[in-house]
C-alpha atoms as a PDB file:
ATOM      1  CA  MET A   1      -0.204   0.118   0.066  1.00  0.00           C
ATOM      2  CA  LYS A   2       1.768   3.157  -1.097  1.00  0.00           C
ATOM      3  CA  SER A   3       1.438   6.509   0.702  1.00  0.00           C
ATOM      4  CA  LEU A   4      -1.577   8.740  -0.631  1.00  0.00           C
ATOM      5  CA  PHE A   5      -0.072  12.217  -0.179  1.00  0.00           C
ATOM      6  CA  LEU A   6       2.715  14.301  -2.000  1.00  0.00           C
ATOM      7  CA  LEU A   7       2.853  16.819   0.912  1.00  0.00           C
ATOM      8  CA  THR A   8       1.573  16.304   4.312  1.00  0.00           C
ATOM      9  CA  VAL A   9       0.984  18.786   7.129  1.00  0.00           C
ATOM     10  CA  PHE A  10       0.845  17.204  10.429  1.00  0.00           C
ATOM     11  CA  PHE A  11       0.771  18.225  13.969  1.00  0.00           C
ATOM     12  CA  THR A  12      -0.670  18.039  17.219  1.00  0.00           C
ATOM     13  CA  ILE A  13      -2.538  20.424  19.634  1.00  0.00           C
ATOM     14  CA  SER A  14      -2.753  18.948  23.180  1.00  0.00           C
ATOM     15  CA  SER A  15      -4.807  20.261  26.121  1.00  0.00           C
ATOM     16  CA  LEU A  16      -5.880  19.275  29.521  1.00  0.00           C
ATOM     17  CA  GLN A  17      -9.377  18.296  27.841  1.00  0.00           C
ATOM     18  CA  GLY A  18      -7.501  15.913  25.265  1.00  0.00           C
ATOM     19  CA  GLN A  19      -5.549  15.932  22.171  1.00  0.00           C
ATOM     20  CA  LYS A  20      -6.303  17.229  18.595  1.00  0.00           C
ATOM     21  CA  LEU A  21      -4.479  15.699  15.261  1.00  0.00           C
ATOM     22  CA  VAL A  22      -4.716  17.696  11.968  1.00  0.00           C
ATOM     23  CA  LYS A  23      -3.302  16.008   8.902  1.00  0.00           C
ATOM     24  CA  LYS A  24      -3.446  17.461   5.426  1.00  0.00           C
ATOM     25  CA  ALA A  25      -2.853  15.570   2.335  1.00  0.00           C
ATOM     26  CA  PHE A  26      -2.689  16.196  -1.315  1.00  0.00           C
ATOM     27  CA  ILE A  27      -4.247  13.272  -3.439  1.00  0.00           C
ATOM     28  CA  ASP A  28      -3.422  12.102  -6.800  1.00  0.00           C
ATOM     29  CA  ALA A  29      -5.307  13.439  -9.924  1.00  0.00           C
ATOM     30  CA  ARG A  30      -5.983  10.083 -10.517  1.00  0.00           C
ATOM     31  CA  THR A  31      -7.965   9.348  -7.203  1.00  0.00           C
ATOM     32  CA  GLU A  32     -11.602   8.873  -8.282  1.00  0.00           C
ATOM     33  CA  SER A  33     -12.901   7.540  -4.792  1.00  0.00           C
ATOM     34  CA  ILE A  34     -12.671   8.111  -1.295  1.00  0.00           C
ATOM     35  CA  GLN A  35     -13.416   5.462   1.744  1.00  0.00           C
ATOM     36  CA  ILE A  36     -13.747   6.441   5.180  1.00  0.00           C
ATOM     37  CA  ASP A  37     -13.616   3.900   7.940  1.00  0.00           C
ATOM     38  CA  SER A  38     -15.422   5.426  10.846  1.00  0.00           C
ATOM     39  CA  LYS A  39     -15.737   2.224  13.360  1.00  0.00           C
ATOM     40  CA  TYR A  40     -13.737   3.967  16.115  1.00  0.00           C
ATOM     41  CA  CYS A  41     -15.651   7.227  15.747  1.00  0.00           C
ATOM     42  CA  TYR A  42     -18.238   8.477  17.565  1.00  0.00           C
ATOM     43  CA  LYS A  43     -18.861  11.495  15.209  1.00  0.00           C
ATOM     44  CA  VAL A  44     -17.772  12.658  11.959  1.00  0.00           C
ATOM     45  CA  ASN A  45     -18.632  15.855  10.310  1.00  0.00           C
ATOM     46  CA  LEU A  46     -17.849  15.377   6.481  1.00  0.00           C
ATOM     47  CA  GLY A  47     -17.774  18.474   3.736  1.00  0.00           C
ATOM     48  CA  THR A  48     -16.232  19.394   0.362  1.00  0.00           C
ATOM     49  CA  ALA A  49     -14.204  22.316  -1.164  1.00  0.00           C
ATOM     50  CA  SER A  50     -12.997  23.090  -4.331  1.00  0.00           C
ATOM     51  CA  THR A  51      -9.505  21.803  -3.639  1.00  0.00           C
ATOM     52  CA  SER A  52      -7.047  18.934  -4.277  1.00  0.00           C
ATOM     53  CA  GLU A  53      -6.468  18.760  -0.514  1.00  0.00           C
ATOM     54  CA  VAL A  54      -8.011  16.395   2.034  1.00  0.00           C
ATOM     55  CA  ARG A  55      -8.012  17.671   5.527  1.00  0.00           C
ATOM     56  CA  VAL A  56      -8.716  15.264   8.697  1.00  0.00           C
ATOM     57  CA  VAL A  57      -8.876  16.791  11.967  1.00  0.00           C
ATOM     58  CA  ALA A  58      -9.380  14.329  14.545  1.00  0.00           C
ATOM     59  CA  SER A  59     -10.187  14.804  18.346  1.00  0.00           C
ATOM     60  CA  ILE A  60     -10.171  12.850  21.505  1.00  0.00           C
ATOM     61  CA  GLU A  61     -10.560  13.254  25.064  1.00  0.00           C
ATOM     62  CA  GLY A  62      -9.009  11.167  27.787  1.00  0.00           C
ATOM     63  CA  GLU A  63      -5.886   9.011  28.898  1.00  0.00           C
ATOM     64  CA  TYR A  64      -5.411   7.514  25.677  1.00  0.00           C
ATOM     65  CA  SER A  65      -5.289  10.508  23.589  1.00  0.00           C
ATOM     66  CA  LYS A  66      -1.537  10.306  23.012  1.00  0.00           C
ATOM     67  CA  ASP A  67      -2.338   6.993  21.307  1.00  0.00           C
ATOM     68  CA  LEU A  68      -4.474   8.546  18.512  1.00  0.00           C
ATOM     69  CA  LEU A  69      -3.418   8.148  14.973  1.00  0.00           C
ATOM     70  CA  ILE A  70      -4.608   9.468  11.552  1.00  0.00           C
ATOM     71  CA  ASN A  71      -4.000   7.366   8.531  1.00  0.00           C
ATOM     72  CA  ILE A  72      -4.522   8.351   4.801  1.00  0.00           C
ATOM     73  CA  GLU A  73      -3.466   6.051   2.287  1.00  0.00           C
ATOM     74  CA  ASN A  74      -4.187   4.753  -1.414  1.00  0.00           C
ATOM     75  CA  GLN A  75      -4.738   1.632  -2.846  1.00  0.00           C
ATOM     76  CA  GLY A  76      -4.866   2.158  -6.628  1.00  0.00           C
ATOM     77  CA  THR A  77      -7.491   4.923  -7.614  1.00  0.00           C
ATOM     78  CA  THR A  78      -8.973   4.917  -4.104  1.00  0.00           C
ATOM     79  CA  ALA A  79      -8.152   6.930  -1.008  1.00  0.00           C
ATOM     80  CA  LEU A  80      -8.397   5.399   2.488  1.00  0.00           C
ATOM     81  CA  ILE A  81      -8.882   7.575   5.578  1.00  0.00           C
ATOM     82  CA  SER A  82      -9.286   6.114   8.900  1.00  0.00           C
ATOM     83  CA  ALA A  83      -8.607   7.270  12.855  1.00  0.00           C
ATOM     84  CA  GLY A  84      -7.564   4.966  15.572  1.00  0.00           C
ATOM     85  CA  PHE A  85      -4.858   4.104  17.924  1.00  0.00           C
ATOM     86  CA  GLN A  86      -1.109   3.225  17.178  1.00  0.00           C
ATOM     87  CA  PRO A  87       0.015  -0.115  16.427  1.00  0.00           C
ATOM     88  CA  ASN A  88       1.261  -0.967  19.987  1.00  0.00           C
ATOM     89  CA  PHE A  89      -1.627   0.282  21.725  1.00  0.00           C
ATOM     90  CA  THR A  90      -3.408  -2.084  23.955  1.00  0.00           C
ATOM     91  CA  ASN A  91      -6.673  -1.294  25.321  1.00  0.00           C
ATOM     92  CA  PRO A  92      -6.882  -2.436  28.737  1.00  0.00           C
ATOM     93  CA  ASN A  93      -9.906  -4.807  29.741  1.00  0.00           C
ATOM     94  CA  ASP A  94     -11.702  -2.184  32.003  1.00  0.00           C
ATOM     95  CA  LYS A  95     -15.252  -0.865  32.186  1.00  0.00           C
ATOM     96  CA  LEU A  96     -14.212   2.334  30.318  1.00  0.00           C
ATOM     97  CA  SER A  97     -12.519   0.626  27.545  1.00  0.00           C
ATOM     98  CA  ALA A  98     -15.885   0.352  25.195  1.00  0.00           C
ATOM     99  CA  HIS A  99     -16.211   4.069  25.658  1.00  0.00           C
ATOM    100  CA  LYS A 100     -12.839   4.705  24.801  1.00  0.00           C
ATOM    101  CA  VAL A 101     -12.597   2.826  21.681  1.00  0.00           C
ATOM    102  CA  ILE A 102     -15.266   5.283  20.241  1.00  0.00           C
ATOM    103  CA  SER A 103     -14.569   8.315  21.708  1.00  0.00           C
ATOM    104  CA  ILE A 104     -12.665   9.984  18.482  1.00  0.00           C
ATOM    105  CA  GLU A 105     -14.320  12.745  16.526  1.00  0.00           C
ATOM    106  CA  LEU A 106     -13.443  13.479  13.049  1.00  0.00           C
ATOM    107  CA  ASP A 107     -13.552  16.790  10.971  1.00  0.00           C
ATOM    108  CA  ILE A 108     -13.139  15.878   7.145  1.00  0.00           C
ATOM    109  CA  THR A 109     -12.760  18.138   4.231  1.00  0.00           C
ATOM    110  CA  LEU A 110     -12.538  16.656   0.757  1.00  0.00           C
ATOM    111  CA  PRO A 111     -12.319  17.727  -2.697  1.00  0.00           C
ATOM    112  CA  GLU A 112     -15.549  18.005  -4.758  1.00  0.00           C
ATOM    113  CA  TYR A 113     -17.107  15.673  -6.929  1.00  0.00           C
ATOM    114  CA  LYS A 114     -15.560  12.426  -5.926  1.00  0.00           C
ATOM    115  CA  ASP A 115     -17.159   9.104  -4.927  1.00  0.00           C
ATOM    116  CA  VAL A 116     -17.237   8.622  -1.364  1.00  0.00           C
ATOM    117  CA  SER A 117     -18.324   5.923   1.031  1.00  0.00           C
ATOM    118  CA  ILE A 118     -18.517   6.088   4.674  1.00  0.00           C
ATOM    119  CA  TYR A 119     -18.814   2.662   6.777  1.00  0.00           C
ATOM    120  CA  GLY A 120     -19.326   2.909  10.641  1.00  0.00           C
ATOM    121  CA  THR A 121     -21.372   1.299  13.503  1.00  0.00           C
ATOM    122  CA  ASN A 122     -22.439   3.832  16.386  1.00  0.00           C
ATOM    123  CA  SER A 123     -20.905   6.892  14.356  1.00  0.00           C
ATOM    124  CA  THR A 124     -23.268   9.954  13.770  1.00  0.00           C
ATOM    125  CA  VAL A 125     -22.423  11.335  10.613  1.00  0.00           C
ATOM    126  CA  LEU A 126     -23.217  14.835   9.403  1.00  0.00           C
ATOM    127  CA  ALA A 127     -22.365  15.622   5.987  1.00  0.00           C
ATOM    128  CA  GLU A 128     -22.854  18.458   3.318  1.00  0.00           C
ATOM    129  CA  GLY A 129     -21.411  19.297  -0.018  1.00  0.00           C
ATOM    130  CA  LYS A 130     -20.741  18.355  -3.423  1.00  0.00           C
ATOM    131  CA  TYR A 131     -20.323  14.862  -4.351  1.00  0.00           C
ATOM    132  CA  LYS A 132     -20.333  12.574  -7.502  1.00  0.00           C
ATOM    133  CA  SER A 133     -22.070  10.066  -5.388  1.00  0.00           C
ATOM    134  CA  LEU A 134     -21.951   9.387  -1.312  1.00  0.00           C
ATOM    135  CA  LYS A 135     -22.661   6.248   0.186  1.00  0.00           C
ATOM    136  CA  ILE A 136     -23.159   6.050   3.951  1.00  0.00           C
ATOM    137  CA  LYS A 137     -23.586   2.701   5.674  1.00  0.00           C
ATOM    138  CA  LEU A 138     -24.360   2.654   9.556  1.00  0.00           C
ATOM    139  CA  SER A 139     -25.648   0.453  12.008  1.00  0.00           C
ATOM    140  CA  ASP A 140     -26.802   2.281  15.030  1.00  0.00           C
ATOM    141  CA  GLY A 141     -25.646   5.700  14.265  1.00  0.00           C
ATOM    142  CA  THR A 142     -27.672   8.780  12.832  1.00  0.00           C
ATOM    143  CA  CYS A 143     -27.029  10.391   9.544  1.00  0.00           C
ATOM    144  CA  ARG A 144     -27.939  13.827   8.706  1.00  0.00           C
ATOM    145  CA  LEU A 145     -27.413  15.394   5.307  1.00  0.00           C
ATOM    146  CA  LYS A 146     -27.505  18.791   4.264  1.00  0.00           C
ATOM    147  CA  ASN A 147     -27.777  20.359   0.926  1.00  0.00           C
ATOM    148  CA  ILE A 148     -25.708  17.589  -0.889  1.00  0.00           C
ATOM    149  CA  THR A 149     -25.193  16.982  -4.435  1.00  0.00           C
ATOM    150  CA  GLU A 150     -25.511  14.605  -6.735  1.00  0.00           C
ATOM    151  CA  THR A 151     -26.497  11.109  -5.497  1.00  0.00           C
ATOM    152  CA  VAL A 152     -26.543  10.052  -2.056  1.00  0.00           C
ATOM    153  CA  GLU A 153     -27.334   6.334  -0.634  1.00  0.00           C
ATOM    154  CA  VAL A 154     -27.880   5.614   3.133  1.00  0.00           C
ATOM    155  CA  ASP A 155     -28.373   2.552   4.796  1.00  0.00           C
ATOM    156  CA  THR A 156     -28.793   2.152   8.469  1.00  0.00           C
ATOM    157  CA  GLN A 157     -30.002  -0.408  10.733  1.00  0.00           C
ATOM    158  CA  LYS A 158     -31.531   1.453  14.154  1.00  0.00           C
ATOM    159  CA  GLY A 159     -30.025   4.986  13.163  1.00  0.00           C
ATOM    160  CA  ASP A 160     -32.374   7.577  12.236  1.00  0.00           C
ATOM    161  CA  ILE A 161     -31.735   9.499   9.014  1.00  0.00           C
ATOM    162  CA  PHE A 162     -32.408  13.314   8.548  1.00  0.00           C
ATOM    163  CA  LEU A 163     -32.493  15.180   5.063  1.00  0.00           C
ATOM    164  CA  ALA A 164     -32.557  18.685   4.522  1.00  0.00           C
ATOM    165  CA  ALA A 165     -32.730  19.386   0.989  1.00  0.00           C
ATOM    166  CA  ASN A 166     -33.698  21.988  -1.462  1.00  0.00           C
ATOM    167  CA  ASN A 167     -35.087  19.649  -4.122  1.00  0.00           C
ATOM    168  CA  GLY A 168     -34.510  16.230  -5.284  1.00  0.00           C
ATOM    169  CA  GLU A 169     -35.499  12.944  -6.371  1.00  0.00           C
ATOM    170  CA  ILE A 170     -36.079  11.047  -2.914  1.00  0.00           C
ATOM    171  CA  MET A 171     -36.552   7.221  -2.326  1.00  0.00           C
ATOM    172  CA  ALA A 172     -37.150   6.726   1.524  1.00  0.00           C
ATOM    173  CA  LYS A 173     -37.861   3.486   3.195  1.00  0.00           C
ATOM    174  CA  SER A 174     -38.176   2.339   6.783  1.00  0.00           C
ATOM    175  CA  ILE A 175     -39.013  -1.540   7.463  1.00  0.00           C
ATOM    176  CA  TYR A 176     -39.827  -0.787  11.261  1.00  0.00           C
ATOM    177  CA  GLY A 177     -39.660   2.895  11.603  1.00  0.00           C
ATOM    178  CA  THR A 178     -41.708   5.744  10.130  1.00  0.00           C
ATOM    179  CA  VAL A 179     -41.045   8.221   7.353  1.00  0.00           C
ATOM    180  CA  ASP A 180     -41.907  11.790   7.632  1.00  0.00           C
ATOM    181  CA  ASN A 181     -42.726  13.005   4.002  1.00  0.00           C
ATOM    182  CA  GLY A 182     -41.620  16.632   4.249  1.00  0.00           C
ATOM    183  CA  THR A 183     -42.267  18.621   1.335  1.00  0.00           C
ATOM    184  CA  ILE A 184     -39.337  18.524  -0.760  1.00  0.00           C
ATOM    185  CA  PRO A 185     -39.827  19.590  -4.662  1.00  0.00           C
ATOM    186  CA  LEU A 186     -38.674  17.259  -7.315  1.00  0.00           C
ATOM    187  CA  GLY A 187     -35.089  17.944  -8.470  1.00  0.00           C
ATOM    188  CA  GLU A 188     -32.023  16.624 -10.195  1.00  0.00           C
ATOM    189  CA  ASN A 189     -30.537  15.405  -7.092  1.00  0.00           C
ATOM    190  CA  GLN A 190     -30.883  11.621  -5.913  1.00  0.00           C
ATOM    191  CA  TYR A 191     -31.311  10.555  -2.512  1.00  0.00           C
ATOM    192  CA  ILE A 192     -31.833   6.897  -1.526  1.00  0.00           C
ATOM    193  CA  LEU A 193     -32.208   6.701   2.133  1.00  0.00           C
ATOM    194  CA  ASN A 194     -33.067   3.223   3.752  1.00  0.00           C
ATOM    195  CA  THR A 195     -33.340   2.095   7.384  1.00  0.00           C
ATOM    196  CA  VAL A 196     -34.452  -1.189   9.160  1.00  0.00           C
ATOM    197  CA  GLU A 197     -35.649   0.205  12.488  1.00  0.00           C
ATOM    198  CA  GLY A 198     -34.827   3.932  12.245  1.00  0.00           C
ATOM    199  CA  ASN A 199     -36.858   7.020  11.467  1.00  0.00           C
ATOM    200  CA  ILE A 200     -36.754   9.001   8.349  1.00  0.00           C
ATOM    201  CA  TYR A 201     -37.327  12.729   8.662  1.00  0.00           C
ATOM    202  CA  LEU A 202     -37.329  15.135   5.292  1.00  0.00           C
ATOM    203  CA  LYS A 203     -37.201  18.948   5.578  1.00  0.00           C
ATOM    204  CA  LYS A 204     -36.828  21.510   2.755  1.00  0.00           C
ATOM    205  CA  THR A 205     -34.138  23.924   3.178  1.00  0.00           C
ATOM    206  CA  LYS A 206     -34.486  27.642   1.718  1.00  0.00           C
END
């Protein structure tokens, strides 16, 4: 697996409350898709900008903050982003360990109009911006979408899905939950929203 970036800016901000890591990378022009692994994250804030740069900010609180690690790598035409812990980190078997495993918050800014995928379990994902396609797959995590273009597909097990959009073609289905059919005019953007036990809420933006 080769390194993705040509130039990296990487620094750490520490405080009494915790630690914040910032990592920037200029991706190759051949990169078509970006995959984000959020299994260790309780929250992911995702957006886009008119740039060729990937910017990831990871925050963590607690005694394990020094073990926080951000990975930005590539595999062919796909960029891989994840946050976790140093390879030599051993999570002690105590009552707080489960909380500490998912105590990372990510703020990610990506280049516009890429194929982007996010995979997580308990992560709450807040996304906005311009994508060629955006796919989000969660278990218990909540997904909030705001003014996203062009195609979005969300699947959750128990997590609720919130969509705020000016217009779009919407296909929303919850097997055991409810779908709040807010009035969103028909438009070119496509939203495919599916959940097993969660609820789906639709809202028109101004």
